Amino acid sequence: MKIGDTVKIIAGDNKGKEAKIVRIDRKNNKAMLEGIGIVERHMKKSYLNPNGGKKTIHVGIDMSNLKLVKAEAAKTAKKADKKNAKVKKGAK
């Protein structure tokens, strides 16, 4: 799975929903999905953040709980390769 692919959640609270992958954390085997798994964290007052407040972050969903529905990134990469091949042939 890559960024931009559409996946379906097959386990957990959001089971059955489809969403696009925004970011992937390969080290922890998690994927951040568009509109799903967004939570607010309360920030403590600090030198860099003198007022404190809330921050919205993505919570990753384990890759084993996702099923690939549509591979957008792969299709666009293939189309780009075909366009580059046509340009190279014409340049000879």
N, C-alpha and C. Protein backbone atom coordinates (compact mmCIF):
# COMPACT_ATOMS: atom_id res chain seq x y z
N MET A 1 0.84 -1.18 0.00
CA MET A 1 0.00 0.00 0.00
C MET A 1 0.88 1.24 0.00
N LYS A 2 0.38 2.28 -0.67
CA LYS A 2 1.12 3.53 -0.79
C LYS A 2 0.21 4.70 -0.45
N ILE A 3 0.82 5.86 -0.33
CA ILE A 3 0.06 7.09 -0.09
C ILE A 3 -0.84 7.35 -1.29
N GLY A 4 -2.09 7.67 -1.03
CA GLY A 4 -3.04 7.95 -2.10
C GLY A 4 -3.94 6.78 -2.44
N ASP A 5 -3.58 5.58 -1.99
CA ASP A 5 -4.42 4.40 -2.23
C ASP A 5 -5.69 4.48 -1.39
N THR A 6 -6.77 3.92 -1.91
CA THR A 6 -8.02 3.84 -1.17
C THR A 6 -8.08 2.46 -0.52
N VAL A 7 -8.38 2.46 0.79
CA VAL A 7 -8.42 1.21 1.54
C VAL A 7 -9.75 1.10 2.29
N LYS A 8 -10.10 -0.13 2.66
CA LYS A 8 -11.29 -0.41 3.44
C LYS A 8 -10.84 -0.97 4.78
N ILE A 9 -11.44 -0.49 5.86
CA ILE A 9 -11.10 -0.96 7.20
C ILE A 9 -11.88 -2.24 7.45
N ILE A 10 -11.16 -3.31 7.81
CA ILE A 10 -11.81 -4.62 7.98
C ILE A 10 -11.95 -5.03 9.44
N ALA A 11 -11.42 -4.24 10.38
CA ALA A 11 -11.54 -4.57 11.80
C ALA A 11 -11.49 -3.29 12.63
N GLY A 12 -12.14 -3.31 13.78
CA GLY A 12 -12.09 -2.18 14.69
C GLY A 12 -13.37 -1.38 14.69
N ASP A 13 -13.33 -0.22 15.35
CA ASP A 13 -14.52 0.63 15.49
C ASP A 13 -15.02 1.19 14.16
N ASN A 14 -14.13 1.42 13.23
CA ASN A 14 -14.49 2.00 11.93
C ASN A 14 -14.66 0.96 10.84
N LYS A 15 -14.96 -0.27 11.22
CA LYS A 15 -15.08 -1.38 10.27
C LYS A 15 -16.07 -1.06 9.16
N GLY A 16 -15.66 -1.32 7.90
CA GLY A 16 -16.53 -1.11 6.76
C GLY A 16 -16.34 0.23 6.07
N LYS A 17 -15.66 1.17 6.69
CA LYS A 17 -15.44 2.49 6.09
C LYS A 17 -14.29 2.43 5.10
N GLU A 18 -14.39 3.28 4.07
CA GLU A 18 -13.31 3.41 3.08
C GLU A 18 -12.71 4.80 3.20
N ALA A 19 -11.38 4.88 3.03
CA ALA A 19 -10.69 6.16 3.12
C ALA A 19 -9.39 6.09 2.34
N LYS A 20 -8.83 7.27 2.10
CA LYS A 20 -7.57 7.39 1.36
C LYS A 20 -6.42 7.49 2.37
N ILE A 21 -5.30 6.86 2.04
CA ILE A 21 -4.12 6.91 2.91
C ILE A 21 -3.43 8.26 2.75
N VAL A 22 -3.20 8.92 3.90
CA VAL A 22 -2.55 10.23 3.92
C VAL A 22 -1.06 10.08 4.22
N ARG A 23 -0.72 9.21 5.17
CA ARG A 23 0.67 9.01 5.58
C ARG A 23 0.84 7.58 6.06
N ILE A 24 2.04 7.03 5.93
CA ILE A 24 2.33 5.68 6.37
C ILE A 24 3.54 5.71 7.30
N ASP A 25 3.41 5.02 8.44
CA ASP A 25 4.51 4.85 9.38
C ASP A 25 4.99 3.41 9.27
N ARG A 26 6.01 3.18 8.46
CA ARG A 26 6.51 1.83 8.19
C ARG A 26 7.14 1.20 9.43
N LYS A 27 7.76 2.01 10.27
CA LYS A 27 8.42 1.49 11.47
C LYS A 27 7.41 0.82 12.41
N ASN A 28 6.27 1.46 12.62
CA ASN A 28 5.24 0.93 13.52
C ASN A 28 4.13 0.19 12.78
N ASN A 29 4.23 0.08 11.45
CA ASN A 29 3.26 -0.63 10.62
C ASN A 29 1.85 -0.04 10.77
N LYS A 30 1.77 1.30 10.68
CA LYS A 30 0.50 2.01 10.82
C LYS A 30 0.26 2.90 9.61
N ALA A 31 -1.01 3.13 9.30
CA ALA A 31 -1.39 4.03 8.21
C ALA A 31 -2.34 5.09 8.76
N MET A 32 -2.13 6.34 8.37
CA MET A 32 -3.01 7.43 8.76
C MET A 32 -3.99 7.65 7.62
N LEU A 33 -5.29 7.62 7.92
CA LEU A 33 -6.32 7.72 6.91
C LEU A 33 -7.03 9.06 6.98
N GLU A 34 -7.48 9.51 5.81
CA GLU A 34 -8.14 10.80 5.68
C GLU A 34 -9.50 10.78 6.39
N GLY A 35 -9.65 11.61 7.44
CA GLY A 35 -10.92 11.74 8.15
C GLY A 35 -11.19 10.67 9.19
N ILE A 36 -10.29 9.72 9.37
CA ILE A 36 -10.48 8.64 10.34
C ILE A 36 -9.29 8.61 11.29
N GLY A 37 -9.56 8.46 12.57
CA GLY A 37 -8.49 8.37 13.57
C GLY A 37 -7.91 9.73 13.93
N ILE A 38 -8.73 10.77 13.87
CA ILE A 38 -8.26 12.11 14.23
C ILE A 38 -8.71 12.40 15.67
N VAL A 39 -7.75 12.73 16.53
CA VAL A 39 -8.04 13.01 17.93
C VAL A 39 -7.38 14.33 18.33
N GLU A 40 -7.84 14.89 19.46
CA GLU A 40 -7.25 16.12 19.98
C GLU A 40 -6.38 15.80 21.18
N ARG A 41 -5.21 16.37 21.21
CA ARG A 41 -4.31 16.23 22.35
C ARG A 41 -4.22 17.59 23.04
N HIS A 42 -4.24 17.57 24.35
CA HIS A 42 -4.11 18.79 25.13
C HIS A 42 -2.63 19.08 25.33
N MET A 43 -2.22 20.30 24.95
CA MET A 43 -0.81 20.68 25.02
C MET A 43 -0.56 21.50 26.29
N LYS A 44 0.49 21.13 26.99
CA LYS A 44 0.89 21.83 28.19
C LYS A 44 1.55 23.16 27.81
N LYS A 45 1.44 24.16 28.67
CA LYS A 45 2.12 25.42 28.42
C LYS A 45 3.63 25.19 28.42
N SER A 46 4.30 25.81 27.45
CA SER A 46 5.76 25.68 27.37
C SER A 46 6.33 26.96 26.77
N TYR A 47 7.63 26.99 26.67
CA TYR A 47 8.31 28.15 26.09
C TYR A 47 7.89 28.34 24.63
N LEU A 48 7.80 27.25 23.87
CA LEU A 48 7.43 27.32 22.46
C LEU A 48 5.93 27.51 22.27
N ASN A 49 5.13 27.08 23.24
CA ASN A 49 3.68 27.19 23.17
C ASN A 49 3.18 27.81 24.48
N PRO A 50 3.31 29.16 24.63
CA PRO A 50 3.02 29.79 25.92
C PRO A 50 1.56 29.72 26.35
N ASN A 51 0.62 29.55 25.43
CA ASN A 51 -0.79 29.50 25.80
C ASN A 51 -1.31 28.08 26.03
N GLY A 52 -0.54 27.10 25.62
CA GLY A 52 -1.03 25.73 25.73
C GLY A 52 -2.12 25.51 24.69
N GLY A 53 -3.13 24.71 25.00
CA GLY A 53 -4.26 24.54 24.09
C GLY A 53 -4.40 23.12 23.58
N LYS A 54 -5.08 22.99 22.44
CA LYS A 54 -5.36 21.68 21.85
C LYS A 54 -4.67 21.56 20.50
N LYS A 55 -4.30 20.33 20.16
CA LYS A 55 -3.66 20.05 18.88
C LYS A 55 -4.33 18.82 18.28
N THR A 56 -4.71 18.89 17.00
CA THR A 56 -5.33 17.77 16.32
C THR A 56 -4.25 16.90 15.68
N ILE A 57 -4.29 15.59 15.96
CA ILE A 57 -3.30 14.68 15.40
C ILE A 57 -4.00 13.45 14.80
N HIS A 58 -3.27 12.74 13.95
CA HIS A 58 -3.76 11.48 13.38
C HIS A 58 -3.27 10.32 14.25
N VAL A 59 -4.16 9.38 14.52
CA VAL A 59 -3.78 8.14 15.19
C VAL A 59 -3.80 7.06 14.12
N GLY A 60 -2.71 6.35 13.99
CA GLY A 60 -2.58 5.35 12.95
C GLY A 60 -3.42 4.11 13.18
N ILE A 61 -3.84 3.49 12.07
CA ILE A 61 -4.55 2.22 12.11
C ILE A 61 -3.59 1.16 11.59
N ASP A 62 -3.54 0.03 12.28
CA ASP A 62 -2.61 -1.03 11.90
C ASP A 62 -2.89 -1.50 10.48
N MET A 63 -1.81 -1.73 9.73
CA MET A 63 -1.93 -2.13 8.32
C MET A 63 -2.65 -3.47 8.16
N SER A 64 -2.59 -4.32 9.18
CA SER A 64 -3.26 -5.62 9.09
C SER A 64 -4.78 -5.48 9.13
N ASN A 65 -5.28 -4.31 9.55
CA ASN A 65 -6.72 -4.07 9.62
C ASN A 65 -7.24 -3.36 8.37
N LEU A 66 -6.40 -3.24 7.33
CA LEU A 66 -6.78 -2.55 6.11
C LEU A 66 -6.76 -3.49 4.92
N LYS A 67 -7.66 -3.23 3.97
CA LYS A 67 -7.72 -4.01 2.74
C LYS A 67 -7.68 -3.03 1.58
N LEU A 68 -6.79 -3.26 0.62
CA LEU A 68 -6.63 -2.38 -0.53
C LEU A 68 -7.86 -2.47 -1.43
N VAL A 69 -8.46 -1.32 -1.74
CA VAL A 69 -9.62 -1.26 -2.63
C VAL A 69 -9.21 -0.75 -4.00
N LYS A 70 -8.45 0.35 -4.00
CA LYS A 70 -8.07 0.99 -5.25
C LYS A 70 -6.65 1.54 -5.12
N ALA A 71 -5.76 1.15 -6.01
CA ALA A 71 -4.37 1.58 -5.97
C ALA A 71 -4.18 2.76 -6.93
N GLU A 72 -4.42 3.96 -6.45
CA GLU A 72 -4.30 5.18 -7.26
C GLU A 72 -2.87 5.47 -7.64
N ALA A 73 -1.96 5.36 -6.70
CA ALA A 73 -0.57 5.73 -6.95
C ALA A 73 0.06 4.85 -8.03
N ALA A 74 -0.26 3.59 -8.02
CA ALA A 74 0.32 2.67 -9.01
C ALA A 74 -0.18 2.98 -10.41
N LYS A 75 -1.46 3.30 -10.54
CA LYS A 75 -2.03 3.60 -11.85
C LYS A 75 -1.42 4.87 -12.43
N THR A 76 -1.27 5.90 -11.61
CA THR A 76 -0.72 7.15 -12.11
C THR A 76 0.75 6.99 -12.47
N ALA A 77 1.48 6.15 -11.72
CA ALA A 77 2.89 5.92 -12.03
C ALA A 77 3.03 5.21 -13.37
N LYS A 78 2.15 4.25 -13.65
CA LYS A 78 2.19 3.54 -14.93
C LYS A 78 1.89 4.49 -16.08
N LYS A 79 0.90 5.38 -15.88
CA LYS A 79 0.56 6.35 -16.92
C LYS A 79 1.73 7.29 -17.18
N ALA A 80 2.40 7.72 -16.12
CA ALA A 80 3.55 8.61 -16.27
C ALA A 80 4.69 7.91 -17.02
N ASP A 81 4.90 6.63 -16.74
CA ASP A 81 5.94 5.87 -17.44
C ASP A 81 5.63 5.77 -18.92
N LYS A 82 4.36 5.56 -19.27
CA LYS A 82 3.97 5.46 -20.67
C LYS A 82 4.20 6.79 -21.39
N LYS A 83 3.87 7.90 -20.72
CA LYS A 83 4.08 9.22 -21.31
C LYS A 83 5.56 9.48 -21.54
N ASN A 84 6.40 9.11 -20.55
CA ASN A 84 7.84 9.31 -20.68
C ASN A 84 8.40 8.44 -21.80
N ALA A 85 7.88 7.25 -21.96
CA ALA A 85 8.35 6.35 -23.02
C ALA A 85 8.03 6.94 -24.38
N LYS A 86 6.86 7.54 -24.54
CA LYS A 86 6.49 8.16 -25.82
C LYS A 86 7.39 9.34 -26.13
N VAL A 87 7.72 10.11 -25.11
CA VAL A 87 8.59 11.25 -25.32
C VAL A 87 9.98 10.80 -25.72
N LYS A 88 10.47 9.75 -25.09
CA LYS A 88 11.82 9.23 -25.41
C LYS A 88 11.87 8.70 -26.83
N LYS A 89 10.81 8.02 -27.28
CA LYS A 89 10.79 7.48 -28.64
C LYS A 89 10.81 8.62 -29.65
N GLY A 90 10.09 9.69 -29.39
CA GLY A 90 10.00 10.81 -30.31
C GLY A 90 11.29 11.61 -30.34
N ALA A 91 12.09 11.55 -29.28
CA ALA A 91 13.31 12.34 -29.21
C ALA A 91 14.43 11.75 -30.04
N LYS A 92 14.33 10.50 -30.47
CA LYS A 92 15.40 9.85 -31.23
C LYS A 92 15.60 10.44 -32.55
